[in-house]
């Protein structure tokens, strides 16, 4: 069973204004493997031959990034920490689970 998270922005316009930079940051992660129509796949380096994904990030929403985590081996955790740290250095974000509860990511 996967975890579903929503990365939301205090400044609702920041996502739209900086979408290309977000795409670049995700694509530069060590675990990045695929991008199709604003859906970015990450796969742990522990299992690079995995033809699927461990994490998917969806950038096709106007006010948030949808994050689906299927598995999170160490390399995925590190990639997500890098990406979320970068986001936090640029703007105020908050992360909620599918029930609207704050996440500790």
C-alpha atoms as a PDB file:
ATOM      1  CA  UNK A   1       0.000   0.000   0.000  1.00  0.00           C
ATOM      2  CA  UNK A   2       1.379   3.380  -0.939  1.00  0.00           C
ATOM      3  CA  UNK A   3       1.477   6.617   1.009  1.00  0.00           C
ATOM      4  CA  UNK A   4      -0.057   9.674  -0.598  1.00  0.00           C
ATOM      5  CA  UNK A   5       1.192  13.100   0.376  1.00  0.00           C
ATOM      6  CA  UNK A   6       0.438  16.637  -0.722  1.00  0.00           C
ATOM      7  CA  UNK A   7       3.191  19.239  -0.831  1.00  0.00           C
ATOM      8  CA  UNK A   8       1.402  22.549  -0.426  1.00  0.00           C
ATOM      9  CA  UNK A   9       2.748  26.052  -0.702  1.00  0.00           C
ATOM     10  CA  UNK A  10       2.095  29.031   1.564  1.00  0.00           C
ATOM     11  CA  UNK A  11       2.398  31.236  -1.537  1.00  0.00           C
ATOM     12  CA  UNK A  12      -0.013  29.548  -3.940  1.00  0.00           C
ATOM     13  CA  UNK A  13       1.621  31.204  -6.984  1.00  0.00           C
ATOM     14  CA  UNK A  14       5.124  29.940  -6.225  1.00  0.00           C
ATOM     15  CA  UNK A  15       4.549  26.503  -7.765  1.00  0.00           C
ATOM     16  CA  UNK A  16       3.377  27.860 -11.098  1.00  0.00           C
ATOM     17  CA  UNK A  17       6.101  30.509 -11.250  1.00  0.00           C
ATOM     18  CA  UNK A  18       8.893  28.037 -10.477  1.00  0.00           C
ATOM     19  CA  UNK A  19       7.665  24.866 -12.151  1.00  0.00           C
ATOM     20  CA  UNK A  20      10.639  24.532 -14.530  1.00  0.00           C
ATOM     21  CA  UNK A  21      13.109  24.826 -11.659  1.00  0.00           C
ATOM     22  CA  UNK A  22      11.159  22.184  -9.707  1.00  0.00           C
ATOM     23  CA  UNK A  23      11.260  19.869 -12.727  1.00  0.00           C
ATOM     24  CA  UNK A  24      14.999  20.435 -13.027  1.00  0.00           C
ATOM     25  CA  UNK A  25      15.578  19.697  -9.331  1.00  0.00           C
ATOM     26  CA  UNK A  26      13.597  16.451  -9.495  1.00  0.00           C
ATOM     27  CA  UNK A  27      15.350  15.390 -12.709  1.00  0.00           C
ATOM     28  CA  UNK A  28      18.748  15.965 -11.127  1.00  0.00           C
ATOM     29  CA  UNK A  29      18.102  13.579  -8.232  1.00  0.00           C
ATOM     30  CA  UNK A  30      20.227  10.420  -8.232  1.00  0.00           C
ATOM     31  CA  UNK A  31      17.099   8.258  -8.121  1.00  0.00           C
ATOM     32  CA  UNK A  32      15.280   9.975 -11.006  1.00  0.00           C
ATOM     33  CA  UNK A  33      14.435   7.564 -13.850  1.00  0.00           C
ATOM     34  CA  UNK A  34      11.526   8.872 -15.905  1.00  0.00           C
ATOM     35  CA  UNK A  35       9.312  11.857 -16.701  1.00  0.00           C
ATOM     36  CA  UNK A  36       6.053  11.598 -18.610  1.00  0.00           C
ATOM     37  CA  UNK A  37       3.532  14.423 -18.803  1.00  0.00           C
ATOM     38  CA  UNK A  38       4.474  16.065 -15.503  1.00  0.00           C
ATOM     39  CA  UNK A  39       4.748  12.701 -13.715  1.00  0.00           C
ATOM     40  CA  UNK A  40       8.250  12.084 -12.361  1.00  0.00           C
ATOM     41  CA  UNK A  41       9.424   8.620 -11.311  1.00  0.00           C
ATOM     42  CA  UNK A  42      12.098   7.894  -8.742  1.00  0.00           C
ATOM     43  CA  UNK A  43      13.551   4.423  -8.186  1.00  0.00           C
ATOM     44  CA  UNK A  44      15.964   3.448  -5.451  1.00  0.00           C
ATOM     45  CA  UNK A  45      19.525   2.906  -6.594  1.00  0.00           C
ATOM     46  CA  UNK A  46      19.426  -0.309  -4.580  1.00  0.00           C
ATOM     47  CA  UNK A  47      17.093  -1.692  -7.270  1.00  0.00           C
ATOM     48  CA  UNK A  48      17.866   0.296 -10.439  1.00  0.00           C
ATOM     49  CA  UNK A  49      16.821  -2.636 -12.629  1.00  0.00           C
ATOM     50  CA  UNK A  50      13.284  -2.123 -11.272  1.00  0.00           C
ATOM     51  CA  UNK A  51      11.304  -1.045 -14.372  1.00  0.00           C
ATOM     52  CA  UNK A  52       8.726   0.632 -12.175  1.00  0.00           C
ATOM     53  CA  UNK A  53       8.857   3.349  -9.563  1.00  0.00           C
ATOM     54  CA  UNK A  54       9.266   3.674  -5.840  1.00  0.00           C
ATOM     55  CA  UNK A  55       8.005   7.267  -5.821  1.00  0.00           C
ATOM     56  CA  UNK A  56       5.972   9.348  -8.232  1.00  0.00           C
ATOM     57  CA  UNK A  57       5.674  13.125  -8.100  1.00  0.00           C
ATOM     58  CA  UNK A  58       2.838  14.746 -10.018  1.00  0.00           C
ATOM     59  CA  UNK A  59       3.256  18.370 -11.037  1.00  0.00           C
ATOM     60  CA  UNK A  60       0.014  18.756 -12.977  1.00  0.00           C
ATOM     61  CA  UNK A  61      -1.923  20.329 -10.111  1.00  0.00           C
ATOM     62  CA  UNK A  62      -2.219  24.071  -9.744  1.00  0.00           C
ATOM     63  CA  UNK A  63      -1.700  24.459  -5.988  1.00  0.00           C
ATOM     64  CA  UNK A  64       0.268  21.443  -4.813  1.00  0.00           C
ATOM     65  CA  UNK A  65       2.598  18.604  -5.752  1.00  0.00           C
ATOM     66  CA  UNK A  66       1.097  15.155  -5.300  1.00  0.00           C
ATOM     67  CA  UNK A  67       3.607  12.634  -3.971  1.00  0.00           C
ATOM     68  CA  UNK A  68       2.981   8.883  -4.041  1.00  0.00           C
ATOM     69  CA  UNK A  69       5.456   6.716  -2.146  1.00  0.00           C
ATOM     70  CA  UNK A  70       5.288   2.985  -2.825  1.00  0.00           C
ATOM     71  CA  UNK A  71       8.656   2.010  -1.299  1.00  0.00           C
ATOM     72  CA  UNK A  72      11.309   4.123   0.323  1.00  0.00           C
ATOM     73  CA  UNK A  73      14.699   2.462   0.520  1.00  0.00           C
ATOM     74  CA  UNK A  74      17.548   4.584   1.850  1.00  0.00           C
ATOM     75  CA  UNK A  75      18.367   6.201  -1.519  1.00  0.00           C
ATOM     76  CA  UNK A  76      14.751   7.309  -1.974  1.00  0.00           C
ATOM     77  CA  UNK A  77      14.656   8.791   1.521  1.00  0.00           C
ATOM     78  CA  UNK A  78      17.843  10.693   0.739  1.00  0.00           C
ATOM     79  CA  UNK A  79      16.478  11.984  -2.579  1.00  0.00           C
ATOM     80  CA  UNK A  80      13.245  13.141  -0.981  1.00  0.00           C
ATOM     81  CA  UNK A  81      15.168  14.857   1.827  1.00  0.00           C
ATOM     82  CA  UNK A  82      17.333  16.666  -0.741  1.00  0.00           C
ATOM     83  CA  UNK A  83      14.333  17.746  -2.796  1.00  0.00           C
ATOM     84  CA  UNK A  84      12.232  18.844   0.178  1.00  0.00           C
ATOM     85  CA  UNK A  85      15.184  20.689   1.737  1.00  0.00           C
ATOM     86  CA  UNK A  86      15.684  22.533  -1.528  1.00  0.00           C
ATOM     87  CA  UNK A  87      11.974  23.439  -1.650  1.00  0.00           C
ATOM     88  CA  UNK A  88      12.057  24.660   1.946  1.00  0.00           C
ATOM     89  CA  UNK A  89      15.088  26.818   1.157  1.00  0.00           C
ATOM     90  CA  UNK A  90      13.093  28.553  -1.590  1.00  0.00           C
ATOM     91  CA  UNK A  91       9.593  28.894  -0.121  1.00  0.00           C
ATOM     92  CA  UNK A  92       7.355  27.922   2.778  1.00  0.00           C
ATOM     93  CA  UNK A  93       5.775  24.510   2.299  1.00  0.00           C
ATOM     94  CA  UNK A  94       3.717  22.157   4.386  1.00  0.00           C
ATOM     95  CA  UNK A  95       3.134  18.480   3.741  1.00  0.00           C
ATOM     96  CA  UNK A  96      -0.094  16.666   4.478  1.00  0.00           C
ATOM     97  CA  UNK A  97      -1.162  13.048   4.165  1.00  0.00           C
ATOM     98  CA  UNK A  98      -4.315  11.914   2.364  1.00  0.00           C
ATOM     99  CA  UNK A  99      -6.361  12.642   5.498  1.00  0.00           C
ATOM    100  CA  UNK A 100      -5.143  16.242   5.707  1.00  0.00           C
ATOM    101  CA  UNK A 101      -2.900  15.470   8.682  1.00  0.00           C
ATOM    102  CA  UNK A 102       0.578  17.041   8.828  1.00  0.00           C
ATOM    103  CA  UNK A 103       3.360  14.725   7.682  1.00  0.00           C
ATOM    104  CA  UNK A 104       6.782  14.503   9.288  1.00  0.00           C
ATOM    105  CA  UNK A 105       8.539  14.523   5.915  1.00  0.00           C
END
